[in-house]
């Protein structure tokens, strides 16, 4: 590598800027054991930063299902779905998802990122307009910036602004509205019923990314759309959160499914997920549907958390397992996160550009793996850290 090259200097400059702004990200290695996280120094932490909401990632029966899948189907799919990578394990998972979520067809992807981009890249053309909530996930925003359509963003959950944008774009060939069901950094819900009504009024399609709602909300965990009694035109669900695994699915009509199999490059040209994984996901889905006690425990933990932090204005009250604690200043947020970590609580330290400037926060997440005592202890310590920093 040439040390004096323009590209090398650019890399060094941008890294230095991140360091000076105290925004530099780092990767840490952990291992899981007996419901706790251990770092490379073998220090244990109670995990309040992950997305394993239902506690399924290390569930023995899920692990056993994946092992059974390995014995039946081998380690990998070895090809894309349209070659020989699609197996009866994938087919069964798709059919089960459709039955659960009320759609005609489903397509499996290796990540929510690729699923979101596949939909937007393949469906929209230059004359179309894409309308997105400003707080949508980076995968959706990047797809919007790179696709041929004109992207316009509306303020977070602002129905009136969305309606005015739909009205202003009535002459475009296609209007495509995208929102998250549950917003990953704020833990709040999208007003899906109002958005669906606005889309119907202006002949627009609605896509919902329900990565953080599926498994957690709804009668059987069907997610935020089911909770709102709304059926989007396209629903994206991911398996890296409540499912405790990885991958994603796009739920849609029969005709849209056929379209994606022709034109969605992320689907056509990617190796299919391992069939053993699809087999394990089907097992996990049956657990999500039938084990309502997991959602009930999450609700109890949520009540416990907010009861201990009443009148703490930095804490955002949500009905989801995502509990933002907005501290604003990056250094203050890092200090609180560090103090919590010293006492054995690992929380998500979120800073710009992931969230807007001056909204640095702890992203505290609840999981069935936690106890009420652990949640109370975290809340008490959190309140003390916040009050001492004021």
Protein backbone atom coordinates (compact mmCIF):
# COMPACT_ATOMS: atom_id res chain seq x y z
CA UNK A 1 0.00 0.00 0.00
CA UNK A 2 1.36 3.43 -0.94
CA UNK A 3 1.48 5.58 2.22
CA UNK A 4 1.58 8.87 0.30
CA UNK A 5 -1.36 8.22 -2.01
CA UNK A 6 -4.35 10.54 -2.13
CA UNK A 7 -6.69 7.71 -1.13
CA UNK A 8 -4.51 6.80 1.87
CA UNK A 9 -4.43 10.44 3.04
CA UNK A 10 -8.20 10.67 2.67
CA UNK A 11 -8.69 7.56 4.81
CA UNK A 12 -6.39 8.91 7.54
CA UNK A 13 -8.09 12.31 7.51
CA UNK A 14 -11.59 10.89 7.83
CA UNK A 15 -10.57 8.54 10.64
CA UNK A 16 -8.87 11.42 12.49
CA UNK A 17 -12.02 13.51 12.15
CA UNK A 18 -14.11 10.71 13.65
CA UNK A 19 -11.64 10.38 16.55
CA UNK A 20 -11.68 14.11 17.27
CA UNK A 21 -15.48 14.11 17.27
CA UNK A 22 -15.45 11.09 19.62
CA UNK A 23 -17.58 9.23 17.06
CA UNK A 24 -15.17 6.46 16.12
CA UNK A 25 -16.79 3.03 16.16
CA UNK A 26 -15.02 -0.10 17.38
CA UNK A 27 -15.73 -3.82 17.15
CA UNK A 28 -15.61 -5.88 20.35
CA UNK A 29 -15.62 -9.65 20.65
CA UNK A 30 -18.00 -11.36 23.09
CA UNK A 31 -19.09 -14.87 23.85
CA UNK A 32 -22.39 -16.02 25.33
CA UNK A 33 -22.72 -18.35 28.28
CA UNK A 34 -25.56 -19.02 30.73
CA UNK A 35 -27.54 -15.97 29.64
CA UNK A 36 -24.66 -13.50 29.97
CA UNK A 37 -22.11 -11.87 27.68
CA UNK A 38 -18.39 -12.21 28.36
CA UNK A 39 -15.74 -9.98 26.78
CA UNK A 40 -12.20 -11.02 25.84
CA UNK A 41 -11.09 -10.41 29.45
CA UNK A 42 -13.84 -12.81 30.55
CA UNK A 43 -15.79 -10.01 32.25
CA UNK A 44 -19.52 -10.82 32.43
CA UNK A 45 -22.29 -8.40 31.45
CA UNK A 46 -26.06 -8.47 31.44
CA UNK A 47 -26.92 -7.74 27.82
CA UNK A 48 -29.22 -4.72 27.40
CA UNK A 49 -27.98 -3.87 23.91
CA UNK A 50 -28.95 -6.75 21.60
CA UNK A 51 -32.08 -7.49 19.59
CA UNK A 52 -32.82 -11.00 20.87
CA UNK A 53 -36.15 -9.78 22.24
CA UNK A 54 -37.78 -13.18 22.70
CA UNK A 55 -34.65 -14.92 23.99
CA UNK A 56 -34.53 -17.45 21.16
CA UNK A 57 -30.94 -17.08 19.95
CA UNK A 58 -29.62 -19.58 22.50
CA UNK A 59 -32.78 -21.56 23.12
CA UNK A 60 -31.86 -25.27 23.24
CA UNK A 61 -34.74 -26.33 21.00
CA UNK A 62 -33.76 -23.77 18.34
CA UNK A 63 -30.17 -25.02 18.42
CA UNK A 64 -31.44 -28.60 18.16
CA UNK A 65 -33.64 -27.67 15.17
CA UNK A 66 -30.63 -26.19 13.36
CA UNK A 67 -28.60 -29.31 14.13
CA UNK A 68 -31.42 -31.46 12.78
CA UNK A 69 -31.47 -29.30 9.67
CA UNK A 70 -27.74 -29.79 9.18
CA UNK A 71 -28.18 -33.55 9.33
CA UNK A 72 -31.03 -33.47 6.80
CA UNK A 73 -29.86 -30.79 4.36
CA UNK A 74 -26.13 -30.23 4.88
CA UNK A 75 -24.25 -27.03 5.63
CA UNK A 76 -25.12 -24.82 2.65
CA UNK A 77 -27.57 -24.34 -0.19
CA UNK A 78 -24.68 -24.27 -2.75
CA UNK A 79 -26.56 -22.13 -5.30
CA UNK A 80 -29.01 -19.29 -5.83
CA UNK A 81 -32.73 -20.00 -5.37
CA UNK A 82 -33.32 -20.04 -9.14
CA UNK A 83 -30.63 -22.65 -9.76
CA UNK A 84 -30.62 -25.48 -7.19
CA UNK A 85 -30.46 -23.54 -3.92
CA UNK A 86 -34.19 -23.66 -3.17
CA UNK A 87 -35.16 -26.70 -1.08
CA UNK A 88 -38.26 -28.04 0.58
CA UNK A 89 -36.99 -26.45 3.82
CA UNK A 90 -37.12 -23.01 2.18
CA UNK A 91 -40.51 -23.80 0.64
CA UNK A 92 -41.97 -24.87 3.98
CA UNK A 93 -40.72 -21.70 5.68
CA UNK A 94 -42.22 -19.49 2.96
CA UNK A 95 -45.60 -21.25 3.18
CA UNK A 96 -45.62 -20.95 6.97
CA UNK A 97 -44.77 -17.25 6.82
CA UNK A 98 -47.61 -16.65 4.36
CA UNK A 99 -50.09 -18.49 6.57
CA UNK A 100 -48.96 -16.52 9.61
CA UNK A 101 -48.87 -13.07 8.03
CA UNK A 102 -51.72 -13.36 5.52
CA UNK A 103 -49.89 -12.99 2.19
CA UNK A 104 -49.95 -15.04 -1.00
CA UNK A 105 -46.20 -15.43 -1.42
CA UNK A 106 -42.86 -14.88 0.31
CA UNK A 107 -39.24 -14.67 -0.84
CA UNK A 108 -36.31 -15.39 1.46
CA UNK A 109 -33.21 -13.19 1.64
CA UNK A 110 -29.92 -13.41 3.53
CA UNK A 111 -30.42 -10.06 5.29
CA UNK A 112 -32.96 -7.31 5.80
CA UNK A 113 -30.53 -4.93 4.11
CA UNK A 114 -30.59 -6.93 0.87
CA UNK A 115 -34.35 -7.49 1.05
CA UNK A 116 -35.07 -3.76 1.36
CA UNK A 117 -32.73 -2.87 -1.47
CA UNK A 118 -34.04 -5.65 -3.71
CA UNK A 119 -37.60 -4.33 -3.45
CA UNK A 120 -36.77 -0.68 -4.11
CA UNK A 121 -34.17 -1.24 -6.83
CA UNK A 122 -36.33 -3.65 -8.83
CA UNK A 123 -39.75 -1.99 -8.52
CA UNK A 124 -39.09 1.72 -9.07
CA UNK A 125 -38.18 3.53 -12.27
CA UNK A 126 -36.98 7.03 -13.13
CA UNK A 127 -40.42 8.65 -13.41
CA UNK A 128 -41.63 7.28 -10.05
CA UNK A 129 -41.49 8.89 -6.61
CA UNK A 130 -40.34 7.21 -3.41
CA UNK A 131 -41.63 8.73 -0.16
CA UNK A 132 -39.78 7.76 3.02
CA UNK A 133 -40.02 8.58 6.70
CA UNK A 134 -36.88 10.52 7.65
CA UNK A 135 -36.01 8.02 10.37
CA UNK A 136 -36.11 4.95 8.12
CA UNK A 137 -33.23 2.48 8.32
CA UNK A 138 -29.99 3.11 6.44
CA UNK A 139 -30.71 0.24 4.04
CA UNK A 140 -33.90 1.98 2.92
CA UNK A 141 -32.31 5.41 2.66
CA UNK A 142 -29.35 4.12 0.67
CA UNK A 143 -31.68 2.27 -1.68
CA UNK A 144 -33.65 5.47 -2.16
CA UNK A 145 -30.53 7.48 -2.98
CA UNK A 146 -29.23 4.90 -5.43
CA UNK A 147 -32.43 3.87 -7.21
CA UNK A 148 -33.71 5.58 -10.35
CA UNK A 149 -36.82 7.08 -8.71
CA UNK A 150 -37.01 10.52 -7.14
CA UNK A 151 -36.86 10.18 -3.35
CA UNK A 152 -38.59 12.61 -1.01
CA UNK A 153 -38.59 12.31 2.78
CA UNK A 154 -41.31 13.36 5.17
CA UNK A 155 -40.78 14.33 8.83
CA UNK A 156 -41.02 11.41 11.21
CA UNK A 157 -44.60 10.06 11.40
CA UNK A 158 -45.95 13.33 9.92
CA UNK A 159 -49.15 12.28 8.15
CA UNK A 160 -50.06 15.76 6.95
CA UNK A 161 -46.71 16.18 5.19
CA UNK A 162 -47.01 12.72 3.66
CA UNK A 163 -50.45 13.60 2.32
CA UNK A 164 -49.17 16.83 0.80
CA UNK A 165 -46.32 14.98 -0.91
CA UNK A 166 -48.71 12.38 -2.27
CA UNK A 167 -50.97 15.16 -3.55
CA UNK A 168 -48.04 16.98 -5.17
CA UNK A 169 -46.92 13.81 -6.97
CA UNK A 170 -50.28 12.61 -8.25
CA UNK A 171 -49.13 12.90 -11.86
CA UNK A 172 -46.16 10.58 -11.43
CA UNK A 173 -46.59 7.04 -12.79
CA UNK A 174 -46.09 5.38 -9.40
CA UNK A 175 -46.00 6.56 -5.77
CA UNK A 176 -44.29 4.25 -3.30
CA UNK A 177 -44.40 4.94 0.45
CA UNK A 178 -41.95 3.22 2.78
CA UNK A 179 -41.94 3.25 6.57
CA UNK A 180 -40.72 1.09 9.40
CA UNK A 181 -43.31 -0.56 11.63
CA UNK A 182 -41.19 0.01 14.73
CA UNK A 183 -38.33 2.49 14.48
CA UNK A 184 -35.08 0.92 15.57
CA UNK A 185 -33.51 3.88 17.37
CA UNK A 186 -36.68 5.36 18.91
CA UNK A 187 -38.77 2.28 19.64
CA UNK A 188 -41.97 4.05 18.56
CA UNK A 189 -44.61 2.79 16.12
CA UNK A 190 -45.56 4.15 12.73
CA UNK A 191 -49.20 5.34 12.39
CA UNK A 192 -49.84 2.61 9.84
CA UNK A 193 -53.62 2.91 9.67
CA UNK A 194 -53.37 6.60 8.72
CA UNK A 195 -50.55 5.94 6.26
CA UNK A 196 -52.52 3.11 4.63
CA UNK A 197 -55.56 5.40 4.27
CA UNK A 198 -53.43 8.15 2.70
CA UNK A 199 -51.90 5.66 0.26
CA UNK A 200 -55.32 4.33 -0.73
CA UNK A 201 -56.60 7.86 -1.30
CA UNK A 202 -53.73 8.68 -3.66
CA UNK A 203 -53.31 5.28 -5.35
CA UNK A 204 -49.91 4.68 -3.75
CA UNK A 205 -48.29 1.45 -2.65
CA UNK A 206 -47.21 0.93 0.96
CA UNK A 207 -44.14 -1.02 2.04
CA UNK A 208 -43.50 -1.70 5.74
CA UNK A 209 -40.16 -2.83 7.13
CA UNK A 210 -41.19 -4.57 10.35
CA UNK A 211 -37.78 -5.79 11.49
CA UNK A 212 -38.38 -4.73 15.10
CA UNK A 213 -42.12 -5.38 15.28
CA UNK A 214 -42.49 -8.92 13.99
CA UNK A 215 -42.45 -11.51 16.76
CA UNK A 216 -43.08 -8.86 19.42
CA UNK A 217 -46.39 -7.21 18.49
CA UNK A 218 -49.74 -8.72 17.51
CA UNK A 219 -51.79 -11.68 18.72
CA UNK A 220 -49.25 -14.28 17.60
CA UNK A 221 -46.38 -11.86 17.09
CA UNK A 222 -47.46 -10.97 13.55
CA UNK A 223 -46.12 -7.47 14.03
CA UNK A 224 -47.04 -3.83 13.77
CA UNK A 225 -49.20 -4.11 10.63
CA UNK A 226 -51.36 -6.78 12.26
CA UNK A 227 -51.58 -4.67 15.42
CA UNK A 228 -52.83 -1.73 13.33
CA UNK A 229 -55.18 -4.00 11.32
CA UNK A 230 -53.40 -2.95 8.14
CA UNK A 231 -52.15 -4.98 5.20
CA UNK A 232 -49.29 -3.30 3.32
CA UNK A 233 -48.64 -4.09 -0.32
CA UNK A 234 -45.19 -5.32 0.65
CA UNK A 235 -44.07 -6.43 4.11
CA UNK A 236 -40.46 -7.07 5.01
CA UNK A 237 -39.72 -9.15 8.11
CA UNK A 238 -36.28 -10.03 9.38
CA UNK A 239 -34.97 -12.96 11.38
CA UNK A 240 -32.08 -11.23 13.17
CA UNK A 241 -34.15 -9.72 15.96
CA UNK A 242 -37.07 -11.52 17.64
CA UNK A 243 -36.31 -14.73 15.70
CA UNK A 244 -32.82 -14.80 17.20
CA UNK A 245 -31.18 -15.82 13.91
CA UNK A 246 -30.51 -14.01 10.61
CA UNK A 247 -32.03 -13.41 7.18
CA UNK A 248 -35.27 -11.83 6.00
CA UNK A 249 -38.41 -12.38 3.95
CA UNK A 250 -40.44 -10.20 1.60
CA UNK A 251 -44.20 -10.88 1.77
CA UNK A 252 -46.24 -9.89 -1.27
CA UNK A 253 -48.82 -10.97 -3.85
CA UNK A 254 -48.36 -13.85 -6.28
CA UNK A 255 -47.73 -11.50 -9.20
CA UNK A 256 -45.20 -9.34 -7.33
CA UNK A 257 -43.42 -12.51 -6.24
CA UNK A 258 -43.12 -13.59 -9.88
CA UNK A 259 -41.80 -10.13 -10.76
CA UNK A 260 -39.12 -10.28 -8.07
CA UNK A 261 -37.94 -13.70 -9.24
CA UNK A 262 -37.24 -12.10 -12.63
CA UNK A 263 -35.87 -8.68 -11.69
CA UNK A 264 -34.70 -8.58 -8.02
CA UNK A 265 -30.95 -9.02 -8.48
CA UNK A 266 -30.27 -9.48 -4.76
CA UNK A 267 -32.51 -12.56 -4.94
CA UNK A 268 -31.57 -13.91 -8.36
CA UNK A 269 -27.80 -13.66 -7.98
CA UNK A 270 -27.23 -14.49 -4.29
CA UNK A 271 -26.65 -17.93 -2.84
CA UNK A 272 -29.78 -18.96 -0.94
CA UNK A 273 -29.68 -19.13 2.84
CA UNK A 274 -28.61 -22.53 4.17
CA UNK A 275 -31.58 -24.93 4.17
CA UNK A 276 -30.67 -25.94 7.73
CA UNK A 277 -31.26 -22.33 8.73
CA UNK A 278 -34.64 -22.28 6.97
CA UNK A 279 -35.55 -25.49 8.81
CA UNK A 280 -34.59 -23.92 12.15
CA UNK A 281 -36.50 -20.74 11.32
CA UNK A 282 -39.68 -22.75 10.74
CA UNK A 283 -39.26 -24.24 14.21
CA UNK A 284 -38.64 -20.79 15.68
CA UNK A 285 -41.74 -19.44 13.96
CA UNK A 286 -43.89 -22.11 15.60
CA UNK A 287 -42.46 -21.07 18.99
CA UNK A 288 -43.22 -17.40 18.32
CA UNK A 289 -46.80 -18.19 17.34
CA UNK A 290 -47.62 -20.41 20.30
CA UNK A 291 -45.45 -19.19 23.19
CA UNK A 292 -47.30 -16.00 24.08
CA UNK A 293 -45.64 -15.99 27.50
CA UNK A 294 -42.55 -14.50 25.86
CA UNK A 295 -44.46 -11.39 24.76
CA UNK A 296 -46.18 -11.24 28.14
CA UNK A 297 -42.84 -11.26 29.92
CA UNK A 298 -41.53 -8.49 27.65
CA UNK A 299 -44.57 -6.41 28.58
CA UNK A 300 -43.94 -7.01 32.29
CA UNK A 301 -40.26 -6.05 31.92
CA UNK A 302 -41.29 -2.89 30.05
CA UNK A 303 -43.66 -1.87 32.86
CA UNK A 304 -40.93 -2.54 35.41
CA UNK A 305 -38.41 -0.41 33.49
CA UNK A 306 -40.70 2.59 33.13
CA UNK A 307 -42.03 2.38 36.69
CA UNK A 308 -38.49 2.67 38.03
CA UNK A 309 -37.73 5.64 35.76
CA UNK A 310 -40.86 7.75 36.23
CA UNK A 311 -40.32 11.48 35.67
CA UNK A 312 -36.92 10.83 34.08
CA UNK A 313 -37.35 12.99 30.99
CA UNK A 314 -34.40 11.49 29.13
CA UNK A 315 -36.16 8.12 28.99
CA UNK A 316 -38.60 7.71 26.09
CA UNK A 317 -41.72 5.72 27.04
CA UNK A 318 -42.39 2.96 24.49
CA UNK A 319 -44.50 -0.20 24.31
CA UNK A 320 -41.73 -2.02 22.46
CA UNK A 321 -38.56 -3.62 23.89
CA UNK A 322 -36.52 -0.65 22.57
CA UNK A 323 -36.01 1.95 25.32
CA UNK A 324 -34.13 5.06 24.14
CA UNK A 325 -32.44 7.22 26.77
CA UNK A 326 -31.71 10.44 24.88
CA UNK A 327 -28.80 12.28 26.53
CA UNK A 328 -27.93 14.59 23.63
CA UNK A 329 -24.23 15.14 24.24
CA UNK A 330 -21.95 12.36 22.98
CA UNK A 331 -19.49 12.58 25.89
CA UNK A 332 -22.28 12.49 28.46
CA UNK A 333 -23.79 9.45 26.76
CA UNK A 334 -20.43 7.68 26.67
CA UNK A 335 -19.82 8.43 30.36
CA UNK A 336 -23.19 6.99 31.40
CA UNK A 337 -22.65 3.92 29.20
CA UNK A 338 -19.19 3.44 30.73
CA UNK A 339 -20.52 3.70 34.28
CA UNK A 340 -23.26 1.16 33.54
CA UNK A 341 -20.68 -1.16 32.00
CA UNK A 342 -18.50 -0.96 35.12
CA UNK A 343 -21.46 -2.34 37.06
CA UNK A 344 -21.99 -5.17 34.58
CA UNK A 345 -24.69 -3.73 32.30
CA UNK A 346 -23.98 -3.53 28.58
CA UNK A 347 -26.10 -0.94 26.77
CA UNK A 348 -26.08 0.34 23.20
CA UNK A 349 -24.15 3.63 22.94
CA UNK A 350 -25.61 5.29 19.85
CA UNK A 351 -24.11 8.43 18.38
CA UNK A 352 -24.26 10.42 15.13
CA UNK A 353 -24.41 9.72 12.24
CA UNK A 354 -26.62 6.77 13.27
CA UNK A 355 -28.90 9.29 15.01
CA UNK A 356 -29.22 13.05 14.41
CA UNK A 357 -26.69 15.45 15.94
CA UNK A 358 -27.42 16.30 19.59
CA UNK A 359 -29.54 13.18 20.09
CA UNK A 360 -26.82 10.75 21.24
CA UNK A 361 -28.48 8.08 23.32
CA UNK A 362 -28.37 4.79 25.07
CA UNK A 363 -30.40 2.27 23.15
CA UNK A 364 -31.50 -0.05 25.94
CA UNK A 365 -33.27 -3.20 24.82
CA UNK A 366 -35.26 -5.70 26.82
CA UNK A 367 -35.17 -9.46 26.37
CA UNK A 368 -36.94 -12.48 27.78
CA UNK A 369 -33.47 -13.56 28.96
CA UNK A 370 -33.50 -10.77 31.56
CA UNK A 371 -35.13 -10.89 34.99
CA UNK A 372 -37.20 -8.17 36.64
CA UNK A 373 -34.48 -7.83 39.27
CA UNK A 374 -31.88 -7.14 36.57
CA UNK A 375 -34.14 -4.57 34.90
CA UNK A 376 -34.80 -2.82 38.23
CA UNK A 377 -31.10 -2.77 39.09
CA UNK A 378 -30.25 -1.28 35.70
CA UNK A 379 -33.00 1.35 36.02
CA UNK A 380 -31.92 2.42 39.51
CA UNK A 381 -28.30 2.77 38.44
CA UNK A 382 -29.29 4.57 35.24
CA UNK A 383 -31.30 7.16 37.17
CA UNK A 384 -28.37 7.75 39.51
CA UNK A 385 -25.94 8.15 36.59
CA UNK A 386 -28.23 10.65 34.87
CA UNK A 387 -28.84 12.69 38.05
CA UNK A 388 -25.13 12.81 38.92
CA UNK A 389 -24.34 14.10 35.44
CA UNK A 390 -26.81 16.99 35.62
